[in-house]
Protein backbone atom coordinates (compact mmCIF):
# COMPACT_ATOMS: atom_id res chain seq x y z
CA MET A 1 23.17 -117.24 53.44
CA GLU A 2 22.84 -119.69 50.59
CA LEU A 3 20.23 -122.34 50.52
CA GLY A 4 21.89 -124.29 47.64
CA GLY A 5 25.48 -125.53 47.05
CA PRO A 6 27.45 -128.51 48.12
CA ARG A 7 27.64 -127.41 51.77
CA CYS A 8 23.90 -127.66 51.95
CA ALA A 9 24.04 -131.46 51.99
CA GLY A 10 20.73 -130.97 53.14
CA LEU A 11 17.85 -128.46 53.05
CA VAL A 12 14.88 -129.42 55.08
CA LEU A 13 12.33 -127.12 55.72
CA LEU A 14 10.87 -129.76 57.70
CA LEU A 15 7.76 -128.37 56.77
CA LEU A 16 9.12 -129.60 53.64
CA LEU A 17 7.66 -132.68 54.93
CA ILE A 18 4.44 -131.13 54.26
CA SER A 19 5.50 -131.37 50.66
CA CYS A 20 3.75 -134.74 50.60
CA GLY A 21 0.44 -133.11 50.45
CA GLN A 22 -2.20 -131.11 52.29
CA GLY A 23 -4.02 -132.04 55.43
CA ARG A 24 -6.72 -134.77 55.40
CA GLY A 25 -10.32 -134.14 55.39
CA ALA A 26 -11.36 -130.60 56.44
CA ASP A 27 -7.91 -129.38 57.43
CA PRO A 28 -5.96 -128.26 54.32
CA ILE A 29 -3.72 -125.80 56.19
CA ASN A 30 -0.89 -127.62 57.83
CA ILE A 31 0.26 -125.23 60.52
CA TRP A 32 0.70 -126.35 64.13
CA PRO A 33 -0.45 -124.78 66.43
CA MET A 34 -3.17 -123.21 64.37
CA PRO A 35 -2.74 -119.34 64.29
CA LYS A 36 -5.37 -116.96 65.57
CA SER A 37 -6.13 -115.76 61.91
CA VAL A 38 -4.86 -117.20 58.76
CA THR A 39 -5.86 -116.78 55.04
CA SER A 40 -4.17 -118.50 52.06
CA GLY A 41 -4.55 -118.66 48.32
CA LYS A 42 -3.76 -121.13 45.55
CA GLN A 43 -0.44 -119.82 44.03
CA THR A 44 3.10 -120.95 44.39
CA LEU A 45 6.28 -119.04 44.61
CA LEU A 46 9.92 -120.11 44.81
CA LEU A 47 12.45 -119.47 47.61
CA SER A 48 15.69 -117.97 46.40
CA ASN A 49 18.79 -120.04 46.99
CA ASP A 50 20.28 -116.80 48.43
CA PHE A 51 17.38 -116.33 50.89
CA VAL A 52 18.46 -113.41 53.20
CA LEU A 53 17.21 -111.61 56.26
CA ASN A 54 16.37 -107.84 55.81
CA THR A 55 15.81 -105.81 59.00
CA GLN A 56 15.45 -102.30 57.55
CA GLY A 57 13.19 -100.24 59.61
CA SER A 58 13.23 -102.47 62.57
CA LYS A 59 13.85 -100.85 66.02
CA TYR A 60 15.43 -103.93 67.52
CA PRO A 61 19.34 -103.67 67.35
CA ASP A 62 19.77 -107.47 67.89
CA SER A 63 22.92 -106.73 70.00
CA SER A 64 22.49 -110.26 71.57
CA GLY A 65 21.99 -111.92 68.25
CA ILE A 66 18.61 -113.51 69.13
CA LEU A 67 17.09 -112.63 65.74
CA LYS A 68 20.15 -113.50 63.73
CA ASP A 69 20.46 -116.93 65.48
CA GLY A 70 16.74 -117.56 65.01
CA PHE A 71 16.99 -116.88 61.28
CA SER A 72 20.15 -119.12 61.01
CA ARG A 73 18.23 -121.98 62.71
CA PHE A 74 15.47 -121.36 60.13
CA LEU A 75 17.93 -121.94 57.38
CA GLN A 76 19.36 -124.92 59.16
CA VAL A 77 16.11 -126.74 59.19
CA LEU A 78 15.76 -126.01 55.47
CA ARG A 79 19.13 -127.47 54.84
CA ALA A 80 18.78 -130.45 57.09
CA SER A 81 18.48 -133.16 54.30
CA HIS A 82 17.48 -131.47 51.04
CA VAL A 83 19.77 -129.99 48.43
CA ALA A 84 18.29 -127.22 46.17
CA ASP A 85 19.37 -127.23 42.52
CA SER A 86 20.58 -123.75 41.63
CA ASN A 87 20.38 -124.68 37.85
CA SER A 88 16.79 -125.98 37.96
CA SER A 89 14.80 -125.47 34.82
CA TYR A 90 11.86 -124.81 37.15
CA SER A 91 12.49 -121.21 36.62
CA SER A 92 11.22 -117.91 37.90
CA ALA A 93 9.78 -117.31 34.46
CA HIS A 94 6.82 -119.41 35.71
CA PHE A 95 6.78 -118.45 39.42
CA PRO A 96 7.65 -115.34 41.39
CA VAL A 97 10.72 -115.64 43.55
CA CYS A 98 10.87 -114.76 47.18
CA LYS A 99 14.46 -113.40 47.93
CA GLY A 100 14.18 -113.12 51.66
CA LEU A 101 12.30 -112.29 54.80
CA HIS A 102 11.84 -108.60 55.89
CA VAL A 103 11.49 -108.61 59.63
CA VAL A 104 10.44 -105.40 61.56
CA ILE A 105 10.49 -105.58 65.27
CA LEU A 106 8.89 -102.55 67.02
CA SER A 107 10.54 -102.79 70.51
CA PRO A 108 14.32 -102.56 71.12
CA ASN A 109 13.96 -104.55 74.36
CA ASP A 110 14.76 -108.23 74.38
CA LYS A 111 14.00 -108.93 78.09
CA LEU A 112 12.33 -112.33 78.34
CA GLN A 113 9.73 -112.49 81.03
CA TYR A 114 6.21 -113.73 81.83
CA GLY A 115 3.65 -111.68 79.76
CA VAL A 116 6.14 -110.62 77.12
CA ASP A 117 4.34 -109.74 73.83
CA GLU A 118 4.58 -112.88 71.61
CA SER A 119 2.26 -111.60 68.76
CA TYR A 120 3.30 -111.36 65.14
CA LYS A 121 1.93 -110.74 61.65
CA LEU A 122 3.29 -112.65 58.68
CA SER A 123 2.44 -111.89 55.04
CA VAL A 124 3.70 -113.63 51.90
CA THR A 125 2.57 -112.11 48.72
CA ALA A 126 2.27 -114.08 45.47
CA LEU A 127 2.55 -111.35 42.81
CA GLY A 128 5.99 -110.19 41.99
CA ALA A 129 7.27 -111.45 45.31
CA VAL A 130 10.48 -110.07 46.67
CA TYR A 131 10.35 -110.44 50.31
CA ALA A 132 8.02 -112.15 52.84
CA TYR A 133 7.15 -109.69 55.63
CA LEU A 134 7.13 -110.44 59.31
CA GLU A 135 6.25 -107.83 61.97
CA ALA A 136 6.36 -108.27 65.68
CA ASN A 137 6.35 -106.15 68.84
CA THR A 138 9.23 -108.16 70.22
CA VAL A 139 11.96 -110.43 69.14
CA TYR A 140 10.17 -113.30 70.73
CA GLY A 141 7.00 -112.77 68.63
CA ALA A 142 9.39 -112.65 65.58
CA LEU A 143 10.82 -116.05 66.58
CA HIS A 144 7.20 -117.52 66.61
CA GLY A 145 6.70 -116.03 63.20
CA LEU A 146 9.75 -117.74 61.91
CA GLN A 147 8.51 -121.04 63.25
CA THR A 148 5.21 -120.47 61.45
CA PHE A 149 7.05 -119.33 58.13
CA SER A 150 8.96 -122.54 58.24
CA GLN A 151 5.88 -124.51 58.04
CA LEU A 152 4.73 -122.79 54.83
CA CYS A 153 7.84 -123.81 52.95
CA HIS A 154 8.11 -127.09 51.03
CA PHE A 155 10.70 -128.96 49.07
CA ASN A 156 9.66 -129.84 45.54
CA PHE A 157 11.45 -133.23 45.04
CA LYS A 158 11.08 -133.29 41.26
CA ALA A 159 12.28 -129.76 40.59
CA ARG A 160 14.65 -129.77 43.70
CA VAL A 161 13.50 -126.27 44.71
CA PHE A 162 11.90 -124.81 47.74
CA GLU A 163 8.41 -123.46 47.40
CA VAL A 164 5.89 -121.58 49.39
CA ARG A 165 2.52 -123.06 48.29
CA GLN A 166 -1.08 -121.72 48.82
CA ALA A 167 0.21 -118.18 48.62
CA PRO A 168 -0.62 -115.38 49.30
CA TRP A 169 -0.64 -115.94 53.02
CA THR A 170 -1.75 -113.58 55.71
CA ILE A 171 -1.32 -114.63 59.32
CA ILE A 172 -2.11 -112.66 62.40
CA ASP A 173 -1.28 -114.52 65.56
CA GLN A 174 -0.80 -114.38 69.33
CA PRO A 175 -1.00 -116.86 72.18
CA ARG A 176 -4.24 -117.60 74.13
CA PHE A 177 -2.23 -118.12 77.38
CA SER A 178 0.99 -116.55 78.49
CA TYR A 179 2.21 -119.61 80.33
CA ARG A 180 2.65 -122.66 78.17
CA GLY A 181 4.82 -125.07 80.01
CA LEU A 182 6.61 -128.46 79.93
CA LEU A 183 8.14 -130.00 83.00
CA ILE A 184 11.26 -132.10 82.86
CA ASP A 185 12.61 -133.94 85.84
CA THR A 186 16.36 -134.38 86.17
CA SER A 187 16.39 -135.86 89.64
CA ARG A 188 15.17 -139.35 89.02
CA HIS A 189 17.36 -140.09 85.94
CA TYR A 190 20.24 -138.39 84.37
CA GLN A 191 19.42 -136.27 81.37
CA PRO A 192 22.37 -135.31 79.19
CA LEU A 193 22.82 -131.74 78.39
CA ILE A 194 22.28 -132.32 74.71
CA MET A 195 18.93 -134.03 75.42
CA ILE A 196 17.74 -131.02 77.42
CA LYS A 197 18.77 -128.76 74.50
CA ASN A 198 16.82 -130.98 72.13
CA VAL A 199 13.74 -130.66 74.24
CA ILE A 200 14.13 -126.89 74.31
CA ASP A 201 14.40 -126.90 70.49
CA SER A 202 11.29 -128.92 70.15
CA MET A 203 9.42 -126.70 72.59
CA ALA A 204 10.18 -123.67 70.26
CA TYR A 205 8.71 -125.67 67.28
CA THR A 206 5.39 -126.03 69.18
CA LYS A 207 5.47 -122.36 70.67
CA LEU A 208 5.66 -123.76 74.20
CA ASN A 209 7.41 -121.08 76.27
CA VAL A 210 8.22 -122.24 79.86
CA LEU A 211 10.63 -125.11 80.68
CA HIS A 212 9.67 -126.14 84.28
CA TRP A 213 12.89 -127.65 85.53
CA HIS A 214 12.27 -129.98 88.59
CA ILE A 215 15.87 -130.15 89.58
CA VAL A 216 16.07 -131.92 92.96
CA ASP A 217 14.10 -134.70 94.63
CA THR A 218 14.36 -137.57 97.12
CA GLN A 219 16.74 -139.51 94.84
CA SER A 220 19.29 -136.82 94.05
CA PHE A 221 20.48 -133.30 94.41
CA PRO A 222 22.16 -132.56 91.10
CA LEU A 223 22.29 -128.85 91.59
CA GLU A 224 25.41 -127.48 89.94
CA ILE A 225 23.44 -124.60 88.51
CA PRO A 226 24.95 -124.37 85.02
CA SER A 227 24.50 -121.22 82.96
CA TYR A 228 23.21 -122.91 79.74
CA PRO A 229 19.36 -122.82 80.64
CA LYS A 230 19.35 -119.15 80.83
CA LEU A 231 21.55 -118.61 77.75
CA TYR A 232 20.28 -121.39 75.47
CA ALA A 233 16.63 -121.18 76.27
CA GLN A 234 16.34 -117.47 76.08
CA THR A 235 17.52 -117.42 72.49
CA ARG A 236 14.66 -119.61 71.71
CA GLY A 237 12.06 -117.46 73.64
CA ILE A 238 11.69 -119.97 76.44
CA ASN A 239 11.72 -119.07 80.12
CA VAL A 240 13.19 -121.59 82.77
CA LEU A 241 10.91 -122.05 85.82
CA ALA A 242 13.35 -123.58 88.47
CA GLU A 243 11.76 -125.70 91.13
CA ILE A 244 13.25 -126.47 94.47
CA ASP A 245 10.69 -128.71 96.08
CA VAL A 246 10.29 -128.15 99.86
CA PRO A 247 9.74 -129.44 102.51
CA GLY A 248 8.91 -132.95 101.06
CA HIS A 249 10.93 -134.90 98.53
CA THR A 250 14.07 -133.86 100.16
CA GLN A 251 15.87 -136.89 101.51
CA SER A 252 18.86 -136.22 99.15
CA TRP A 253 19.50 -132.91 100.87
CA GLY A 254 20.83 -134.59 103.98
CA ILE A 255 23.52 -136.64 102.16
CA GLY A 256 25.71 -133.58 102.30
CA TYR A 257 24.15 -131.91 105.34
CA PRO A 258 22.68 -134.62 107.72
CA SER A 259 21.46 -132.01 110.17
CA LEU A 260 18.73 -131.13 107.60
CA TRP A 261 17.14 -134.44 108.34
CA PRO A 262 14.82 -134.53 111.33
CA SER A 263 16.88 -137.70 112.31
CA THR A 264 19.07 -140.30 110.72
CA ASP A 265 16.25 -142.76 110.91
CA CYS A 266 13.64 -140.21 109.50
CA GLN A 267 15.03 -138.34 106.54
CA GLN A 268 12.09 -136.23 105.11
CA PRO A 269 10.55 -133.80 105.15
CA LEU A 270 13.18 -131.32 106.06
CA ASP A 271 13.76 -130.42 109.67
CA VAL A 272 11.32 -127.53 110.30
CA SER A 273 12.85 -126.81 113.71
CA ASN A 274 16.42 -126.21 112.40
CA GLU A 275 17.37 -122.78 111.36
CA LEU A 276 20.05 -124.18 109.06
CA THR A 277 17.15 -125.60 106.82
CA PHE A 278 15.94 -122.00 106.03
CA LYS A 279 19.54 -120.68 105.60
CA VAL A 280 20.29 -123.34 102.99
CA ILE A 281 16.92 -122.58 101.17
CA ASP A 282 17.90 -118.88 101.27
CA GLY A 283 21.35 -119.68 99.80
CA ILE A 284 19.89 -121.73 97.05
CA LEU A 285 17.41 -119.14 96.03
CA SER A 286 20.07 -116.47 96.18
CA ASP A 287 22.05 -118.48 93.61
CA PHE A 288 18.83 -119.05 91.59
CA SER A 289 18.32 -115.28 91.31
CA LYS A 290 21.67 -114.89 89.63
CA VAL A 291 21.03 -117.62 87.09
CA PHE A 292 17.22 -117.93 86.48
CA ASN A 293 15.75 -114.61 85.37
CA TYR A 294 12.21 -115.70 85.25
CA ASN A 295 10.07 -113.90 87.80
CA PHE A 296 8.58 -117.08 89.13
CA VAL A 297 10.34 -119.78 91.31
CA HIS A 298 8.64 -123.10 92.06
CA LEU A 299 8.71 -124.09 95.70
CA GLY A 300 6.97 -127.38 95.46
CA GLY A 301 5.10 -128.15 98.80
CA ASP A 302 3.46 -131.35 97.60
CA GLU A 303 3.08 -134.71 99.17
CA VAL A 304 4.31 -133.69 102.64
CA ASN A 305 3.79 -136.43 105.19
CA THR A 306 3.64 -134.37 108.38
CA ASN A 307 3.18 -137.38 110.59
CA LEU A 308 6.30 -139.06 109.41
CA CYS A 309 9.12 -137.13 111.06
CA TRP A 310 7.61 -134.03 112.53
CA LEU A 311 6.71 -135.60 115.90
CA GLY A 312 8.96 -135.99 118.98
CA SER A 313 10.26 -134.13 121.95
CA HIS A 314 13.32 -132.69 119.90
CA TYR A 315 11.04 -130.28 118.13
CA GLU A 316 11.61 -127.35 120.51
CA LEU A 317 10.47 -124.75 117.97
CA LEU A 318 7.17 -126.47 117.55
CA LYS A 319 6.70 -126.68 121.27
CA LYS A 320 7.65 -123.09 121.83
CA LYS A 321 5.31 -121.80 119.17
CA GLY A 322 2.53 -124.21 120.05
CA LEU A 323 2.44 -125.69 116.62
CA ASN A 324 1.25 -129.30 115.77
CA GLU A 325 2.55 -131.13 112.77
CA SER A 326 0.02 -129.69 110.20
CA GLU A 327 0.73 -126.16 111.45
CA ALA A 328 4.30 -126.76 111.15
CA TYR A 329 3.71 -127.54 107.38
CA GLN A 330 2.00 -124.15 107.01
CA TYR A 331 4.91 -122.45 108.91
CA PHE A 332 7.50 -124.08 106.63
CA VAL A 333 5.68 -123.10 103.31
CA LEU A 334 4.91 -119.63 104.31
CA ARG A 335 8.45 -118.96 105.62
CA SER A 336 9.89 -120.40 102.42
CA GLN A 337 7.60 -118.09 100.48
CA GLU A 338 8.91 -115.06 102.48
CA ILE A 339 12.48 -116.01 101.48
CA ALA A 340 11.57 -116.24 97.84
CA LEU A 341 9.77 -112.95 97.97
CA SER A 342 12.90 -111.36 99.49
CA HIS A 343 14.78 -112.47 96.27
CA GLY A 344 12.26 -110.71 94.09
CA TYR A 345 10.37 -113.85 93.01
CA ASP A 346 6.67 -114.57 92.68
CA ILE A 347 5.95 -118.13 93.95
CA VAL A 348 4.49 -121.24 92.44
CA ASN A 349 3.36 -123.87 94.84
CA TRP A 350 1.68 -127.21 94.17
CA GLU A 351 -2.03 -127.37 95.02
CA GLU A 352 -1.72 -129.12 98.36
CA THR A 353 -0.63 -125.75 99.86
CA PHE A 354 -3.86 -124.22 98.69
CA ASN A 355 -5.94 -127.02 99.78
CA ASN A 356 -4.54 -126.95 103.23
CA PHE A 357 -4.25 -123.27 104.00
CA GLY A 358 -4.97 -121.34 100.81
CA SER A 359 -6.07 -118.08 102.61
CA LYS A 360 -2.60 -117.75 104.23
CA LEU A 361 -0.65 -117.98 101.14
CA SER A 362 1.04 -114.86 99.74
CA ARG A 363 -1.06 -113.05 97.24
CA LYS A 364 1.89 -113.47 94.84
CA THR A 365 1.28 -117.18 94.84
CA VAL A 366 0.45 -119.20 91.63
CA VAL A 367 -1.20 -122.49 92.59
CA HIS A 368 -0.17 -125.39 90.44
CA ASN A 369 -3.09 -127.81 89.93
CA TRP A 370 -2.20 -131.44 89.55
CA ILE A 371 -4.41 -133.61 91.61
CA GLY A 372 -8.15 -132.89 91.54
CA SER A 373 -10.74 -131.54 89.31
CA GLY A 374 -12.39 -128.21 90.39
CA VAL A 375 -9.19 -126.91 92.02
CA ALA A 376 -8.54 -124.27 89.37
CA GLU A 377 -12.10 -122.99 89.90
CA ARG A 378 -11.62 -122.67 93.72
CA VAL A 379 -8.16 -121.02 93.28
CA VAL A 380 -9.35 -118.24 90.89
CA ALA A 381 -12.56 -117.74 93.06
CA ALA A 382 -10.08 -116.92 95.87
CA GLY A 383 -8.34 -114.43 93.73
CA LEU A 384 -5.13 -116.44 93.24
CA ARG A 385 -3.57 -117.27 89.92
CA CYS A 386 -3.43 -120.86 88.63
CA ILE A 387 -1.62 -123.24 86.39
CA VAL A 388 -3.35 -126.30 85.23
CA SER A 389 -1.59 -129.66 84.94
CA ASN A 390 -4.18 -132.17 85.91
CA GLN A 391 -2.49 -135.54 86.04
CA ASP A 392 -5.34 -137.42 84.45
CA LYS A 393 -4.96 -135.68 81.10
CA TRP A 394 -1.50 -133.80 81.06
CA TYR A 395 0.93 -136.22 82.73
CA LEU A 396 3.19 -137.60 79.99
CA HIS A 397 4.54 -140.62 81.87
CA TYR A 398 1.00 -142.05 81.84
CA LEU A 399 1.39 -143.80 78.55
CA ASP A 400 -2.22 -144.80 78.28
CA THR A 401 -3.26 -141.09 78.09
CA THR A 402 -3.82 -140.43 74.36
CA TRP A 403 -3.02 -137.37 72.31
CA GLN A 404 -6.70 -136.69 71.86
CA GLU A 405 -7.06 -136.45 75.62
CA PHE A 406 -4.17 -134.17 75.64
CA TYR A 407 -5.78 -132.01 73.00
CA MET A 408 -9.20 -131.85 74.58
CA ASN A 409 -8.06 -130.92 78.06
CA GLU A 410 -9.55 -127.39 78.73
CA PRO A 411 -7.90 -125.30 81.47
CA LEU A 412 -10.96 -122.92 81.86
CA THR A 413 -13.30 -125.88 82.40
CA ASN A 414 -16.34 -124.58 84.44
CA ILE A 415 -14.62 -121.06 84.80
CA THR A 416 -16.90 -118.70 83.17
CA ASN A 417 -16.21 -115.26 84.91
CA PRO A 418 -13.97 -113.31 82.63
CA LYS A 419 -11.97 -111.77 85.56
CA GLN A 420 -11.53 -115.30 87.03
CA GLN A 421 -10.46 -116.64 83.62
CA GLU A 422 -7.62 -114.19 83.48
CA LEU A 423 -6.21 -115.72 86.70
CA VAL A 424 -5.63 -119.04 84.90
CA ILE A 425 -2.36 -117.92 83.42
CA GLY A 426 -1.94 -121.21 81.45
CA GLY A 427 -1.15 -124.83 81.63
CA GLU A 428 1.72 -127.29 81.61
CA VAL A 429 2.36 -130.88 80.50
CA CYS A 430 4.53 -132.76 82.95
CA MET A 431 7.33 -135.34 82.01
CA TRP A 432 8.14 -136.91 85.43
CA GLY A 433 11.37 -138.85 85.30
CA GLU A 434 10.83 -142.09 87.17
CA TYR A 435 10.41 -144.14 84.05
CA ILE A 436 12.34 -142.09 81.42
CA ASP A 437 15.92 -141.18 80.72
CA GLY A 438 17.79 -139.97 77.73
CA SER A 439 16.78 -142.99 75.62
CA ASP A 440 13.07 -142.44 75.65
CA ILE A 441 12.15 -138.92 76.89
CA GLU A 442 11.56 -137.33 73.37
CA GLN A 443 9.22 -139.95 72.02
CA THR A 444 7.33 -139.90 75.38
CA ILE A 445 6.90 -136.16 75.17
CA TRP A 446 6.04 -135.85 71.40
CA PRO A 447 3.54 -135.61 69.78
CA ARG A 448 1.24 -135.55 72.85
CA ALA A 449 2.83 -132.34 74.25
CA ALA A 450 2.23 -130.76 70.93
CA ALA A 451 -1.57 -131.51 71.21
CA ALA A 452 -1.54 -129.58 74.48
CA ALA A 453 0.42 -126.84 72.93
CA GLU A 454 -2.29 -126.09 70.45
CA ARG A 455 -4.86 -126.03 73.21
CA LEU A 456 -2.64 -123.44 75.06
CA TRP A 457 -1.82 -121.22 71.98
CA THR A 458 -4.88 -121.23 69.64
CA PRO A 459 -8.01 -119.19 70.39
CA TYR A 460 -10.65 -121.24 71.99
CA ASP A 461 -13.08 -120.77 69.10
CA LYS A 462 -10.57 -122.03 66.65
CA LEU A 463 -9.75 -125.23 68.50
CA ALA A 464 -11.41 -128.42 67.15
CA LYS A 465 -14.37 -129.71 69.20
CA ASP A 466 -13.61 -133.10 67.88
CA PRO A 467 -9.94 -134.16 67.85
CA ARG A 468 -10.51 -136.24 64.73
CA ARG A 469 -10.64 -132.94 62.74
CA VAL A 470 -6.90 -132.27 63.52
CA THR A 471 -5.58 -135.70 63.18
CA GLY A 472 -4.15 -135.16 59.71
CA ARG A 473 -2.62 -131.86 60.62
CA LEU A 474 -0.99 -133.22 63.76
CA ALA A 475 0.27 -136.28 61.75
CA HIS A 476 2.00 -133.92 59.38
CA PHE A 477 3.56 -131.92 62.34
CA ARG A 478 4.70 -135.25 63.85
CA CYS A 479 6.38 -136.12 60.65
CA LEU A 480 7.96 -132.69 60.45
CA LEU A 481 9.40 -133.27 63.96
CA ASN A 482 10.82 -136.55 62.78
CA GLU A 483 12.32 -134.71 59.78
CA ARG A 484 13.93 -132.26 62.20
CA GLY A 485 15.55 -135.09 64.17
CA VAL A 486 12.91 -135.23 66.97
CA PRO A 487 11.85 -138.91 67.51
CA ALA A 488 8.19 -138.11 68.02
CA ALA A 489 6.07 -141.25 68.33
CA PRO A 490 3.28 -142.17 65.87
CA LEU A 491 -0.34 -140.95 66.59
CA ASN A 492 -1.85 -144.43 66.33
CA GLY A 493 -1.48 -145.56 69.88
CA PRO A 494 -0.55 -144.31 73.34
CA GLY A 495 2.66 -142.63 74.35
CA ARG A 496 5.90 -144.05 73.13
CA VAL A 497 4.26 -146.45 70.65
CA ALA A 498 6.12 -147.99 67.71
CA PRO A 499 4.94 -147.84 64.17
CA GLU A 500 2.70 -150.83 63.42
CA GLU A 501 3.78 -151.64 60.03
CA PRO A 502 5.70 -150.22 57.00
CA GLY A 503 4.05 -147.25 55.46
CA SER A 504 3.91 -143.48 55.22
CA CYS A 505 4.86 -141.34 58.17
CA TYR A 506 1.55 -139.41 57.70
CA LYS A 507 -0.55 -142.59 58.23
CA GLN A 508 1.12 -143.89 61.41
């Protein structure tokens, strides 16, 4: 695969952006998120115009093309806007040439699931370089390694060649948390397919690995379960967590099946006394299991107003079972959990279910913290797993929450017991859809979601204690996103801010 030539009307190793210089202040290594271990030197080597992929010795057959496609995307971002000069006088007589990337994957399995090994080792020698070397236990670790390698490559605008600077490089890397999520909400505003794909691509750049898809809500039920999330996202190492929020946020369900409403005058939460309600949930989860291969499903359970519609003489089931409205809430959640378990899923529920009847939840429940502080501590003390998305720091539609606050939000706050720390499987930033659509979703997500991504990927002792120490590095990454076609907003301001004045991308 050539890097040069007329068809390369572009060659943008986005990182190429980084060619404008090194990081400011005390951060000269411009990799985001920061790897677990990284060493670099002071030498430069060139990338061959015929940069190739070598898989000799790898145990991964790549029958599904995940590695091949990942390498092609690597070359595409190189080619995006820069054209290499194959006749450059900036010759290999002065610098060693890197002819390709040698990738060795130790496992033949490409099943994508929670807890998959995402580690990798990347080395780029500087003496007589022939191939950079990338080793990973799985193809998904190799994809992360490709993302990191892309950030080591830069376009030399004067010589019109691609370089790897600061060689030799040795990078040993793995994620801190296995769950690193981003929620999108397609029920409040329409999101075009291409926009969802763009978000998935951007997640891969930042090493986020779970797209939490909040599909249905009060306003709409756009559930035509297309196959693209499974196929497209998997090739980028991203799981899709599908959410069907019950019993609240469900008014739209009754548009097609009015009997799911408690009454025509009171349309949510779903009718807990009607067996059809649970048959519909079972049918949806049966369809989910054919499309979404992630071993978790999100059943919502938040913001249920039990006094709104679950009163009245027509609730024969409640009367027979002697349940009041709060007990009916518990009954609904637990029965929905049983249905999900029957389809082979572990369950994610919003924290209200734990706050109201935590001891009754299935032990396969992951509690999703979003409201209050201290919830994660109580969840793991009870022996349940937890995902952290506290709204005061990791809700993207709150435009006054700065990237610095996203960066400093620590999922393990006040959790010191190592066994309990292991029960916090990760965190998630949430892009709720009431005030965004295809016109502004990307600049609302980025770069603040990238700040959280480093918190979830990088070892705790490598994270900056003061976000000012990473400002230059994140600014470079934000510019890199822009170079790759991602409209990430400037750092100087809250979410979705515009540039203040003319000037360098790195100083906005």
